[in-house]
Amino acid sequence: MTYRIDRRHVLPYEPIDNKQKQNTAKPEKTGTSFKEILNNSLQEKTAIKISNHAQQRLQQRNIQLDDKDMDILKGAMERAEMKGARESVLFYKDIALVTSIKNRTIITAVDSKGAEENIFTNIDSAMIVESK
């Protein structure tokens, strides 16, 4: 038997035969690529979420927001964020949406008929959003 010295240790040396050679072929691609994961993460970060409370209010008041509305609100939130807003009321059509700009979340929704006291607290900005 042959021995080799590696970092002051004496180890047995056995030559690698053809069966034991490491596979030099490129590994097969499996799963999702980094680019896809990054794109999905960015989309999730910029997507608008609707809180459970807001979802209930929208249903109670029969307010429906379609994809076009959500795109418009997303753009409004992005503009509000560029101005430094954190919690904002977005006035869109005949709806007031209290939003967390930082979290991209609609917190609650009030239509013009349901606004009893017309007082919004814990906000730092308001924005009138025009429908296109």
N, C-alpha and C. Protein backbone atom coordinates (compact mmCIF):
# COMPACT_ATOMS: atom_id res chain seq x y z
N MET A 1 0.84 -1.17 0.00
CA MET A 1 0.00 0.00 0.00
C MET A 1 0.89 1.23 0.00
N THR A 2 0.38 2.29 -0.67
CA THR A 2 1.12 3.54 -0.77
C THR A 2 0.48 4.56 0.16
N TYR A 3 1.30 5.44 0.69
CA TYR A 3 0.80 6.48 1.59
C TYR A 3 1.19 7.85 1.06
N ARG A 4 0.44 8.83 1.48
CA ARG A 4 0.77 10.22 1.13
C ARG A 4 0.69 11.07 2.39
N ILE A 5 1.40 12.16 2.38
CA ILE A 5 1.40 13.05 3.53
C ILE A 5 0.63 14.31 3.14
N ASP A 6 -0.37 14.62 3.94
CA ASP A 6 -1.21 15.79 3.70
C ASP A 6 -1.33 16.58 5.00
N ARG A 7 -0.74 17.77 5.02
CA ARG A 7 -0.78 18.62 6.21
C ARG A 7 -0.33 17.86 7.46
N ARG A 8 0.78 17.24 7.33
CA ARG A 8 1.41 16.51 8.43
C ARG A 8 0.64 15.27 8.86
N HIS A 9 -0.26 14.78 8.04
CA HIS A 9 -0.98 13.55 8.32
C HIS A 9 -0.59 12.51 7.27
N VAL A 10 -0.41 11.32 7.72
CA VAL A 10 -0.10 10.23 6.80
C VAL A 10 -1.42 9.55 6.45
N LEU A 11 -1.74 9.56 5.15
CA LEU A 11 -3.00 8.99 4.69
C LEU A 11 -2.74 7.92 3.65
N PRO A 12 -3.59 6.89 3.63
CA PRO A 12 -3.42 5.90 2.58
C PRO A 12 -3.72 6.51 1.22
N TYR A 13 -2.95 6.12 0.23
CA TYR A 13 -3.12 6.65 -1.12
C TYR A 13 -3.62 5.53 -2.01
N GLU A 14 -4.76 5.78 -2.62
CA GLU A 14 -5.30 4.82 -3.57
C GLU A 14 -5.58 5.55 -4.87
N PRO A 15 -5.05 5.09 -5.97
CA PRO A 15 -5.32 5.76 -7.24
C PRO A 15 -6.79 5.65 -7.62
N ILE A 16 -7.27 6.67 -8.28
CA ILE A 16 -8.67 6.68 -8.71
C ILE A 16 -8.76 5.93 -10.02
N ASP A 17 -9.61 4.93 -10.06
CA ASP A 17 -9.79 4.22 -11.33
C ASP A 17 -10.93 4.90 -12.11
N ASN A 18 -11.22 4.42 -13.28
CA ASN A 18 -12.22 5.04 -14.15
C ASN A 18 -13.61 5.08 -13.53
N LYS A 19 -13.95 4.09 -12.71
CA LYS A 19 -15.27 4.04 -12.10
C LYS A 19 -15.43 5.12 -11.04
N GLN A 20 -14.35 5.52 -10.40
CA GLN A 20 -14.44 6.47 -9.30
C GLN A 20 -14.22 7.91 -9.74
N LYS A 21 -13.88 8.16 -11.01
CA LYS A 21 -13.63 9.53 -11.46
C LYS A 21 -14.89 10.36 -11.29
N GLN A 22 -14.66 11.59 -10.93
CA GLN A 22 -15.80 12.48 -10.75
C GLN A 22 -16.42 12.81 -12.08
N ASN A 23 -17.71 13.03 -12.05
CA ASN A 23 -18.45 13.39 -13.25
C ASN A 23 -18.09 14.83 -13.61
N THR A 24 -17.53 15.02 -14.79
CA THR A 24 -17.13 16.36 -15.22
C THR A 24 -18.19 17.01 -16.09
N ALA A 25 -19.30 16.32 -16.34
CA ALA A 25 -20.37 16.91 -17.14
C ALA A 25 -21.05 18.02 -16.34
N LYS A 26 -21.59 18.98 -17.05
CA LYS A 26 -22.30 20.08 -16.40
C LYS A 26 -23.57 19.54 -15.76
N PRO A 27 -23.88 20.03 -14.58
CA PRO A 27 -25.10 19.56 -13.92
C PRO A 27 -26.33 20.04 -14.70
N GLU A 28 -27.37 19.22 -14.66
CA GLU A 28 -28.61 19.58 -15.34
C GLU A 28 -29.30 20.69 -14.58
N LYS A 29 -29.97 21.57 -15.34
CA LYS A 29 -30.73 22.63 -14.70
C LYS A 29 -31.99 22.05 -14.09
N THR A 30 -32.20 22.37 -12.85
CA THR A 30 -33.43 21.96 -12.19
C THR A 30 -33.97 23.15 -11.42
N GLY A 31 -35.26 23.19 -11.29
CA GLY A 31 -35.86 24.26 -10.51
C GLY A 31 -35.93 25.57 -11.26
N THR A 32 -36.01 26.64 -10.51
CA THR A 32 -36.19 27.97 -11.05
C THR A 32 -34.86 28.70 -11.10
N SER A 33 -34.67 29.46 -12.17
CA SER A 33 -33.41 30.20 -12.30
C SER A 33 -33.41 31.41 -11.37
N PHE A 34 -32.23 31.93 -11.13
CA PHE A 34 -32.08 33.10 -10.26
C PHE A 34 -32.85 34.28 -10.84
N LYS A 35 -32.78 34.46 -12.14
CA LYS A 35 -33.48 35.57 -12.79
C LYS A 35 -34.99 35.49 -12.56
N GLU A 36 -35.56 34.30 -12.68
CA GLU A 36 -36.99 34.13 -12.45
C GLU A 36 -37.36 34.42 -11.00
N ILE A 37 -36.53 33.95 -10.08
CA ILE A 37 -36.79 34.19 -8.66
C ILE A 37 -36.72 35.69 -8.36
N LEU A 38 -35.73 36.37 -8.92
CA LEU A 38 -35.58 37.81 -8.71
C LEU A 38 -36.78 38.56 -9.28
N ASN A 39 -37.19 38.22 -10.49
CA ASN A 39 -38.34 38.89 -11.11
C ASN A 39 -39.61 38.67 -10.30
N ASN A 40 -39.82 37.44 -9.83
CA ASN A 40 -41.00 37.16 -9.00
C ASN A 40 -40.96 37.95 -7.71
N SER A 41 -39.78 38.04 -7.11
CA SER A 41 -39.64 38.79 -5.87
C SER A 41 -39.93 40.27 -6.09
N LEU A 42 -39.44 40.83 -7.18
CA LEU A 42 -39.69 42.24 -7.48
C LEU A 42 -41.16 42.50 -7.75
N GLN A 43 -41.82 41.57 -8.45
CA GLN A 43 -43.24 41.73 -8.72
C GLN A 43 -44.04 41.67 -7.43
N GLU A 44 -43.67 40.75 -6.54
CA GLU A 44 -44.36 40.66 -5.26
C GLU A 44 -44.17 41.91 -4.43
N LYS A 45 -42.97 42.47 -4.51
CA LYS A 45 -42.67 43.68 -3.74
C LYS A 45 -43.49 44.86 -4.23
N THR A 46 -43.72 44.96 -5.53
CA THR A 46 -44.43 46.10 -6.07
C THR A 46 -45.93 45.85 -6.22
N ALA A 47 -46.38 44.63 -6.02
CA ALA A 47 -47.80 44.32 -6.14
C ALA A 47 -48.56 44.92 -4.96
N ILE A 48 -49.78 45.31 -5.23
CA ILE A 48 -50.63 45.87 -4.18
C ILE A 48 -51.35 44.73 -3.46
N LYS A 49 -51.31 44.79 -2.13
CA LYS A 49 -52.03 43.82 -1.31
C LYS A 49 -53.26 44.50 -0.75
N ILE A 50 -54.28 43.71 -0.48
CA ILE A 50 -55.49 44.23 0.16
C ILE A 50 -55.64 43.50 1.48
N SER A 51 -55.66 44.24 2.57
CA SER A 51 -55.78 43.62 3.89
C SER A 51 -57.14 42.95 4.02
N ASN A 52 -57.23 42.04 4.98
CA ASN A 52 -58.52 41.37 5.23
C ASN A 52 -59.60 42.38 5.56
N HIS A 53 -59.25 43.37 6.38
CA HIS A 53 -60.21 44.41 6.76
C HIS A 53 -60.70 45.15 5.52
N ALA A 54 -59.78 45.55 4.65
CA ALA A 54 -60.16 46.26 3.44
C ALA A 54 -61.01 45.38 2.53
N GLN A 55 -60.66 44.10 2.44
CA GLN A 55 -61.43 43.17 1.61
C GLN A 55 -62.87 43.09 2.10
N GLN A 56 -63.05 43.04 3.42
CA GLN A 56 -64.40 43.01 4.00
C GLN A 56 -65.16 44.28 3.68
N ARG A 57 -64.48 45.43 3.82
CA ARG A 57 -65.14 46.71 3.53
C ARG A 57 -65.52 46.84 2.06
N LEU A 58 -64.66 46.37 1.19
CA LEU A 58 -64.97 46.42 -0.24
C LEU A 58 -66.19 45.56 -0.55
N GLN A 59 -66.27 44.39 0.05
CA GLN A 59 -67.43 43.52 -0.17
C GLN A 59 -68.70 44.10 0.43
N GLN A 60 -68.61 44.63 1.67
CA GLN A 60 -69.78 45.20 2.33
C GLN A 60 -70.35 46.38 1.55
N ARG A 61 -69.47 47.15 0.96
CA ARG A 61 -69.91 48.36 0.26
C ARG A 61 -70.05 48.15 -1.24
N ASN A 62 -69.93 46.88 -1.65
CA ASN A 62 -70.08 46.49 -3.05
C ASN A 62 -69.16 47.31 -3.97
N ILE A 63 -67.92 47.45 -3.55
CA ILE A 63 -66.91 48.16 -4.34
C ILE A 63 -66.05 47.11 -5.03
N GLN A 64 -65.91 47.24 -6.33
CA GLN A 64 -65.11 46.29 -7.07
C GLN A 64 -63.98 47.02 -7.78
N LEU A 65 -62.78 46.50 -7.61
CA LEU A 65 -61.60 47.05 -8.27
C LEU A 65 -61.08 46.02 -9.26
N ASP A 66 -60.98 46.40 -10.52
CA ASP A 66 -60.48 45.46 -11.53
C ASP A 66 -58.97 45.68 -11.73
N ASP A 67 -58.39 44.94 -12.66
CA ASP A 67 -56.94 45.02 -12.89
C ASP A 67 -56.51 46.43 -13.29
N LYS A 68 -57.32 47.10 -14.10
CA LYS A 68 -56.99 48.47 -14.52
C LYS A 68 -56.94 49.39 -13.30
N ASP A 69 -57.93 49.26 -12.42
CA ASP A 69 -57.96 50.07 -11.20
C ASP A 69 -56.72 49.80 -10.35
N MET A 70 -56.36 48.52 -10.21
CA MET A 70 -55.20 48.17 -9.39
C MET A 70 -53.91 48.74 -9.99
N ASP A 71 -53.80 48.74 -11.31
CA ASP A 71 -52.62 49.34 -11.95
C ASP A 71 -52.54 50.83 -11.69
N ILE A 72 -53.68 51.50 -11.76
CA ILE A 72 -53.72 52.93 -11.50
C ILE A 72 -53.33 53.21 -10.04
N LEU A 73 -53.86 52.42 -9.11
CA LEU A 73 -53.54 52.60 -7.70
C LEU A 73 -52.07 52.28 -7.42
N LYS A 74 -51.54 51.29 -8.11
CA LYS A 74 -50.13 50.95 -7.96
C LYS A 74 -49.26 52.13 -8.37
N GLY A 75 -49.60 52.75 -9.50
CA GLY A 75 -48.86 53.93 -9.96
C GLY A 75 -48.96 55.08 -8.97
N ALA A 76 -50.15 55.25 -8.39
CA ALA A 76 -50.34 56.31 -7.39
C ALA A 76 -49.49 56.05 -6.16
N MET A 77 -49.43 54.80 -5.73
CA MET A 77 -48.61 54.45 -4.55
C MET A 77 -47.13 54.69 -4.85
N GLU A 78 -46.71 54.39 -6.04
CA GLU A 78 -45.30 54.62 -6.41
C GLU A 78 -44.98 56.12 -6.39
N ARG A 79 -45.90 56.94 -6.90
CA ARG A 79 -45.68 58.40 -6.88
C ARG A 79 -45.67 58.92 -5.44
N ALA A 80 -46.58 58.40 -4.62
CA ALA A 80 -46.62 58.82 -3.21
C ALA A 80 -45.34 58.42 -2.50
N GLU A 81 -44.82 57.24 -2.80
CA GLU A 81 -43.57 56.80 -2.17
C GLU A 81 -42.41 57.70 -2.57
N MET A 82 -42.38 58.13 -3.83
CA MET A 82 -41.31 59.02 -4.28
C MET A 82 -41.35 60.36 -3.56
N LYS A 83 -42.52 60.76 -3.09
CA LYS A 83 -42.67 62.00 -2.34
C LYS A 83 -42.44 61.81 -0.84
N GLY A 84 -42.18 60.56 -0.42
CA GLY A 84 -41.89 60.30 0.99
C GLY A 84 -43.08 59.91 1.83
N ALA A 85 -44.21 59.63 1.21
CA ALA A 85 -45.41 59.25 1.96
C ALA A 85 -45.24 57.86 2.57
N ARG A 86 -45.86 57.69 3.74
CA ARG A 86 -45.82 56.39 4.40
C ARG A 86 -47.23 55.80 4.54
N GLU A 87 -48.14 56.61 5.04
CA GLU A 87 -49.56 56.23 5.17
C GLU A 87 -50.36 57.30 4.45
N SER A 88 -51.15 56.90 3.49
CA SER A 88 -51.82 57.90 2.65
C SER A 88 -53.27 57.52 2.38
N VAL A 89 -54.10 58.54 2.16
CA VAL A 89 -55.46 58.32 1.68
C VAL A 89 -55.44 58.61 0.19
N LEU A 90 -55.87 57.64 -0.59
CA LEU A 90 -55.98 57.82 -2.03
C LEU A 90 -57.45 57.99 -2.37
N PHE A 91 -57.80 59.14 -2.92
CA PHE A 91 -59.17 59.39 -3.36
C PHE A 91 -59.25 58.99 -4.82
N TYR A 92 -59.97 57.91 -5.08
CA TYR A 92 -60.06 57.35 -6.42
C TYR A 92 -61.53 57.11 -6.74
N LYS A 93 -61.98 57.70 -7.85
CA LYS A 93 -63.39 57.66 -8.23
C LYS A 93 -64.19 58.20 -7.05
N ASP A 94 -65.13 57.44 -6.51
CA ASP A 94 -65.88 57.90 -5.33
C ASP A 94 -65.50 57.09 -4.09
N ILE A 95 -64.25 56.64 -4.07
CA ILE A 95 -63.75 55.81 -2.98
C ILE A 95 -62.56 56.49 -2.30
N ALA A 96 -62.48 56.37 -1.00
CA ALA A 96 -61.28 56.79 -0.27
C ALA A 96 -60.60 55.51 0.24
N LEU A 97 -59.35 55.34 -0.14
CA LEU A 97 -58.59 54.15 0.25
C LEU A 97 -57.46 54.55 1.18
N VAL A 98 -57.51 54.09 2.41
CA VAL A 98 -56.42 54.33 3.35
C VAL A 98 -55.37 53.27 3.06
N THR A 99 -54.15 53.71 2.78
CA THR A 99 -53.11 52.78 2.32
C THR A 99 -51.83 52.92 3.12
N SER A 100 -51.11 51.81 3.20
CA SER A 100 -49.75 51.81 3.70
C SER A 100 -48.86 51.79 2.46
N ILE A 101 -48.23 52.91 2.20
CA ILE A 101 -47.39 53.03 1.01
C ILE A 101 -46.18 52.10 1.13
N LYS A 102 -45.58 52.09 2.29
CA LYS A 102 -44.38 51.28 2.53
C LYS A 102 -44.64 49.80 2.27
N ASN A 103 -45.79 49.31 2.75
CA ASN A 103 -46.13 47.89 2.61
C ASN A 103 -46.94 47.58 1.35
N ARG A 104 -47.25 48.61 0.57
CA ARG A 104 -48.07 48.45 -0.64
C ARG A 104 -49.38 47.74 -0.33
N THR A 105 -50.06 48.21 0.73
CA THR A 105 -51.27 47.55 1.20
C THR A 105 -52.41 48.55 1.33
N ILE A 106 -53.58 48.16 0.84
CA ILE A 106 -54.80 48.92 1.09
C ILE A 106 -55.32 48.47 2.44
N ILE A 107 -55.42 49.41 3.37
CA ILE A 107 -55.80 49.08 4.75
C ILE A 107 -57.31 49.05 4.90
N THR A 108 -57.99 50.05 4.34
CA THR A 108 -59.45 50.08 4.39
C THR A 108 -59.97 50.91 3.23
N ALA A 109 -61.25 50.77 2.97
CA ALA A 109 -61.89 51.47 1.86
C ALA A 109 -63.22 52.05 2.33
N VAL A 110 -63.49 53.28 1.91
CA VAL A 110 -64.74 53.95 2.26
C VAL A 110 -65.28 54.58 0.99
N ASP A 111 -66.57 54.34 0.71
CA ASP A 111 -67.18 55.03 -0.42
C ASP A 111 -67.85 56.30 0.08
N SER A 112 -68.29 57.13 -0.83
CA SER A 112 -68.86 58.42 -0.43
C SER A 112 -70.13 58.25 0.40
N LYS A 113 -70.86 57.18 0.21
CA LYS A 113 -72.08 56.93 0.98
C LYS A 113 -71.76 56.44 2.39
N GLY A 114 -70.64 55.74 2.55
CA GLY A 114 -70.31 55.13 3.83
C GLY A 114 -69.46 55.99 4.74
N ALA A 115 -69.05 57.15 4.27
CA ALA A 115 -68.20 58.02 5.08
C ALA A 115 -69.07 58.74 6.10
N GLU A 116 -69.07 58.25 7.34
CA GLU A 116 -69.93 58.81 8.37
C GLU A 116 -69.33 60.09 8.95
N GLU A 117 -68.13 60.02 9.46
CA GLU A 117 -67.51 61.16 10.11
C GLU A 117 -66.52 61.88 9.21
N ASN A 118 -66.10 61.24 8.14
CA ASN A 118 -65.14 61.83 7.20
C ASN A 118 -63.83 62.23 7.86
N ILE A 119 -63.38 61.45 8.84
CA ILE A 119 -62.11 61.72 9.51
C ILE A 119 -61.17 60.55 9.25
N PHE A 120 -59.97 60.86 8.78
CA PHE A 120 -58.94 59.85 8.56
C PHE A 120 -57.77 60.18 9.48
N THR A 121 -57.38 59.22 10.30
CA THR A 121 -56.28 59.44 11.24
C THR A 121 -55.08 58.60 10.85
N ASN A 122 -53.95 58.95 11.44
CA ASN A 122 -52.69 58.22 11.23
C ASN A 122 -52.25 58.18 9.78
N ILE A 123 -52.45 59.29 9.08
CA ILE A 123 -51.96 59.38 7.70
C ILE A 123 -51.01 60.57 7.62
N ASP A 124 -50.13 60.56 6.65
CA ASP A 124 -49.22 61.69 6.46
C ASP A 124 -49.42 62.35 5.10
N SER A 125 -50.34 61.83 4.30
CA SER A 125 -50.56 62.43 2.99
C SER A 125 -51.92 62.02 2.43
N ALA A 126 -52.33 62.76 1.44
CA ALA A 126 -53.57 62.45 0.71
C ALA A 126 -53.30 62.72 -0.75
N MET A 127 -53.96 61.95 -1.60
CA MET A 127 -53.72 62.07 -3.03
C MET A 127 -55.02 61.86 -3.79
N ILE A 128 -55.29 62.73 -4.73
CA ILE A 128 -56.43 62.56 -5.62
C ILE A 128 -55.92 61.82 -6.84
N VAL A 129 -56.47 60.63 -7.09
CA VAL A 129 -56.01 59.78 -8.19
C VAL A 129 -57.04 59.84 -9.30
N GLU A 130 -56.59 60.22 -10.46
CA GLU A 130 -57.50 60.30 -11.61
C GLU A 130 -57.56 58.95 -12.31
N SER A 131 -58.78 58.54 -12.67
CA SER A 131 -58.92 57.31 -13.44
C SER A 131 -58.65 57.64 -14.91
N LYS A 132 -57.97 56.75 -15.57
CA LYS A 132 -57.58 57.01 -16.97
C LYS A 132 -58.61 56.52 -17.93
